[in-house]
Amino acid sequence: ACSVEWKRHPSSKLDLAVWITAAVGLIAIRRLSPVAVVGVGERRTRAQLSMAADDLWRSLDPLRTTREGERTDLANQIASLEPRLARRSLIVVISDLHEQEAVGAICRAAQRHDTVTIHLKDPAESGCLRAGFFRGAEAETGAAFLGLGRSAWREDAGIGRAIASAGGSYLGLRTDRPFITPLRQFLASRDVAARGRG
């Protein structure tokens, strides 16, 4: 039922990111792994490890609303996070990966840590709108652009390969398609969902 609902009402990348963060966080807590949510925009979250679901909800709360023109700083946040991790850790990145340096930062982190990247994509970015021209604005910068509904305005074909070649795991999800089944299968293939049961 949930996947049908999401298919009928396409979600925003922000909605999807918050939902997936909550789901992955709860799985980790169930398998007795502490969780911290690190926001990479201008809003800061409670970025302290905790095994309490209430702390997870409090960390997610500042991220639930959109702010026009808010910039992201994913690459620097990953770089600053690494020295604070005393041992090999699981780092889950949920992003549209629009920041130019983000993929390089993820690949570097994958050399020392178990990294999972969930890449969120809007159909407009891949030329799947079946429409003519449209006006859009980049969420992070507010920069306006003119797009063609049948043409991709970003090239991300090599992102998954780059992350995988660095030793990380990668899943691409579109906002206009059901995501629960592919997400569950992806997590199960990494044994994350299975270890979270019970």
Protein backbone atom coordinates (compact mmCIF):
# COMPACT_ATOMS: atom_id res chain seq x y z
CA ALA A 1 0.00 0.00 0.00
CA CYS A 2 2.77 2.41 0.90
CA SER A 3 4.61 1.99 -2.41
CA VAL A 4 1.37 2.60 -4.37
CA GLU A 5 0.73 5.78 -2.39
CA TRP A 6 4.22 7.09 -3.15
CA LYS A 7 3.79 6.26 -6.83
CA ARG A 8 0.52 8.19 -7.07
CA HIS A 9 1.96 11.20 -5.26
CA PRO A 10 5.62 11.68 -6.24
CA SER A 11 7.71 12.83 -3.32
CA SER A 12 10.34 15.52 -3.20
CA LYS A 13 13.97 14.56 -2.69
CA LEU A 14 13.76 16.10 0.78
CA ASP A 15 10.73 13.97 1.74
CA LEU A 16 12.48 10.87 0.50
CA ALA A 17 15.75 11.72 2.30
CA VAL A 18 14.00 12.24 5.65
CA TRP A 19 11.95 9.04 5.29
CA ILE A 20 14.98 6.93 4.34
CA THR A 21 17.12 8.46 7.10
CA ALA A 22 14.46 7.55 9.66
CA ALA A 23 14.15 4.00 8.30
CA VAL A 24 17.90 3.33 8.19
CA GLY A 25 18.35 4.93 11.61
CA LEU A 26 15.71 2.69 13.16
CA ILE A 27 17.27 -0.40 11.57
CA ALA A 28 20.65 0.54 13.07
CA ILE A 29 19.13 1.14 16.52
CA ARG A 30 17.35 -2.23 16.36
CA ARG A 31 20.69 -3.95 15.72
CA LEU A 32 22.16 -2.07 18.70
CA SER A 33 24.28 0.35 16.68
CA PRO A 34 24.33 3.99 17.80
CA VAL A 35 23.21 6.54 15.20
CA ALA A 36 24.03 10.19 14.50
CA VAL A 37 22.33 12.34 11.85
CA VAL A 38 24.64 14.93 10.31
CA GLY A 39 22.91 17.68 8.34
CA VAL A 40 24.92 19.05 5.44
CA GLY A 41 22.96 22.23 4.82
CA GLU A 42 23.01 25.44 6.83
CA ARG A 43 20.88 23.83 9.55
CA ARG A 44 22.71 21.76 12.10
CA THR A 45 21.39 18.60 13.68
CA ARG A 46 22.14 16.87 16.97
CA ALA A 47 25.18 15.04 15.55
CA GLN A 48 25.88 12.87 18.59
CA LEU A 49 25.76 9.09 18.60
CA SER A 50 22.71 7.71 20.35
CA MET A 51 20.68 4.51 20.52
CA ALA A 52 17.45 6.32 21.42
CA ALA A 53 14.72 6.66 18.77
CA ASP A 54 13.68 9.99 20.36
CA ASP A 55 17.13 11.40 19.62
CA LEU A 56 16.79 10.25 16.00
CA TRP A 57 13.44 12.11 15.68
CA ARG A 58 14.92 15.25 17.24
CA SER A 59 17.84 15.12 14.81
CA LEU A 60 15.51 14.80 11.83
CA ASP A 61 13.15 17.59 12.84
CA PRO A 62 15.28 20.54 11.57
CA LEU A 63 15.63 18.80 8.20
CA ARG A 64 11.92 18.39 7.46
CA THR A 65 11.35 21.78 5.81
CA THR A 66 12.81 23.36 2.69
CA ARG A 67 14.72 26.64 2.74
CA GLU A 68 15.10 28.53 -0.53
CA GLY A 69 18.71 28.94 -1.58
CA GLU A 70 20.15 26.88 1.27
CA ARG A 71 23.62 25.67 0.32
CA THR A 72 24.94 22.21 1.07
CA ASP A 73 28.41 21.34 2.27
CA LEU A 74 28.49 17.55 1.96
CA ALA A 75 32.16 17.17 0.99
CA ASN A 76 33.42 19.23 3.94
CA GLN A 77 31.06 17.51 6.38
CA ILE A 78 32.35 14.07 5.31
CA ALA A 79 35.95 15.29 5.59
CA SER A 80 35.36 16.70 9.09
CA LEU A 81 33.49 13.57 10.21
CA GLU A 82 36.27 11.12 9.35
CA PRO A 83 38.84 12.21 11.99
CA ARG A 84 36.17 11.89 14.70
CA LEU A 85 35.59 8.22 13.88
CA ALA A 86 38.14 6.26 15.88
CA ARG A 87 37.33 2.96 14.16
CA ARG A 88 35.81 1.72 10.93
CA SER A 89 32.20 2.92 10.85
CA LEU A 90 29.16 2.78 8.61
CA ILE A 91 28.58 6.12 6.86
CA VAL A 92 25.26 6.43 4.99
CA VAL A 93 25.02 9.37 2.59
CA ILE A 94 21.53 10.28 1.34
CA SER A 95 21.81 13.07 -1.22
CA ASP A 96 21.08 14.21 -4.76
CA LEU A 97 24.89 14.61 -5.12
CA HIS A 98 24.62 17.97 -6.86
CA GLU A 99 27.65 19.26 -4.99
CA GLN A 100 30.62 18.89 -7.32
CA GLU A 101 33.09 17.60 -4.71
CA ALA A 102 30.67 15.20 -3.00
CA VAL A 103 31.50 12.04 -4.96
CA GLY A 104 35.24 12.49 -4.41
CA ALA A 105 34.68 12.92 -0.67
CA ILE A 106 32.55 9.76 -0.54
CA CYS A 107 35.20 7.81 -2.45
CA ARG A 108 37.90 8.95 -0.03
CA ALA A 109 35.75 7.99 2.97
CA ALA A 110 35.18 4.55 1.43
CA GLN A 111 38.91 3.85 1.74
CA ARG A 112 38.58 3.77 5.55
CA HIS A 113 34.90 3.20 6.27
CA ASP A 114 31.92 1.18 5.10
CA THR A 115 30.03 3.72 2.97
CA VAL A 116 26.52 3.50 1.56
CA THR A 117 25.37 6.17 -0.87
CA ILE A 118 21.67 6.55 -1.66
CA HIS A 119 21.44 8.89 -4.65
CA LEU A 120 18.08 10.68 -4.97
CA LYS A 121 17.04 11.72 -8.47
CA ASP A 122 14.20 13.87 -9.76
CA PRO A 123 12.82 12.76 -13.17
CA ALA A 124 13.45 16.27 -14.52
CA GLU A 125 17.18 15.69 -14.11
CA SER A 126 17.16 12.65 -16.38
CA GLY A 127 14.94 14.03 -19.14
CA CYS A 128 11.89 11.92 -18.29
CA LEU A 129 9.20 14.61 -18.01
CA ARG A 130 7.67 14.01 -21.48
CA ALA A 131 7.22 17.76 -21.72
CA GLY A 132 8.55 20.78 -23.56
CA PHE A 133 10.66 23.48 -21.97
CA PHE A 134 10.40 24.19 -18.26
CA ARG A 135 11.89 26.71 -15.88
CA GLY A 136 13.56 25.44 -12.74
CA ALA A 137 15.77 26.57 -9.91
CA GLU A 138 18.64 24.76 -8.21
CA ALA A 139 17.55 24.24 -4.59
CA GLU A 140 20.99 24.82 -3.07
CA THR A 141 21.95 27.97 -4.96
CA GLY A 142 18.64 29.37 -6.18
CA ALA A 143 20.16 29.66 -9.68
CA ALA A 144 17.45 29.61 -12.37
CA PHE A 145 17.77 27.42 -15.44
CA LEU A 146 15.76 26.51 -18.51
CA GLY A 147 15.39 22.78 -19.12
CA LEU A 148 13.99 20.54 -21.83
CA GLY A 149 11.65 17.85 -20.52
CA ARG A 150 13.10 15.18 -22.81
CA SER A 151 16.79 15.97 -22.25
CA ALA A 152 18.92 15.16 -19.24
CA TRP A 153 20.49 18.28 -17.73
CA ARG A 154 22.85 16.32 -15.50
CA GLU A 155 25.11 13.41 -16.27
CA ASP A 156 25.32 10.90 -13.44
CA ALA A 157 26.01 7.67 -15.27
CA GLY A 158 29.50 7.37 -13.79
CA ILE A 159 28.65 8.21 -10.17
CA GLY A 160 27.68 4.69 -9.12
CA ARG A 161 30.71 3.19 -10.87
CA ALA A 162 33.08 5.67 -9.20
CA ILE A 163 31.71 4.94 -5.72
CA ALA A 164 31.71 1.17 -6.29
CA SER A 165 35.31 1.23 -7.60
CA ALA A 166 36.35 3.00 -4.37
CA GLY A 167 34.77 0.21 -2.31
CA GLY A 168 31.46 1.89 -1.45
CA SER A 169 27.87 0.74 -2.04
CA TYR A 170 25.52 2.74 -4.26
CA LEU A 171 21.77 2.85 -4.86
CA GLY A 172 19.99 5.32 -7.16
CA LEU A 173 16.33 6.10 -6.36
CA ARG A 174 13.92 8.24 -8.38
CA THR A 175 11.34 10.38 -6.61
CA ASP A 176 8.52 9.38 -8.99
CA ARG A 177 8.83 5.63 -8.50
CA PRO A 178 8.08 3.28 -5.60
CA PHE A 179 11.22 3.07 -3.50
CA ILE A 180 10.47 0.76 -0.57
CA THR A 181 11.09 -2.53 -2.42
CA PRO A 182 14.39 -1.49 -4.07
CA LEU A 183 15.57 0.05 -0.79
CA ARG A 184 14.68 -3.11 1.17
CA GLN A 185 16.42 -5.32 -1.41
CA PHE A 186 19.51 -3.11 -1.38
CA LEU A 187 19.77 -3.13 2.42
CA ALA A 188 19.13 -6.89 2.54
CA SER A 189 21.87 -7.49 -0.04
CA ARG A 190 24.27 -5.70 2.31
CA ASP A 191 22.79 -7.66 5.25
CA VAL A 192 21.77 -4.38 6.92
CA ALA A 193 18.03 -5.06 6.97
CA ALA A 194 18.48 -8.69 8.02
CA ARG A 195 20.69 -7.77 10.96
CA GLY A 196 18.15 -5.14 11.98
CA ARG A 197 15.38 -7.68 12.51
CA GLY A 198 14.52 -9.04 15.92
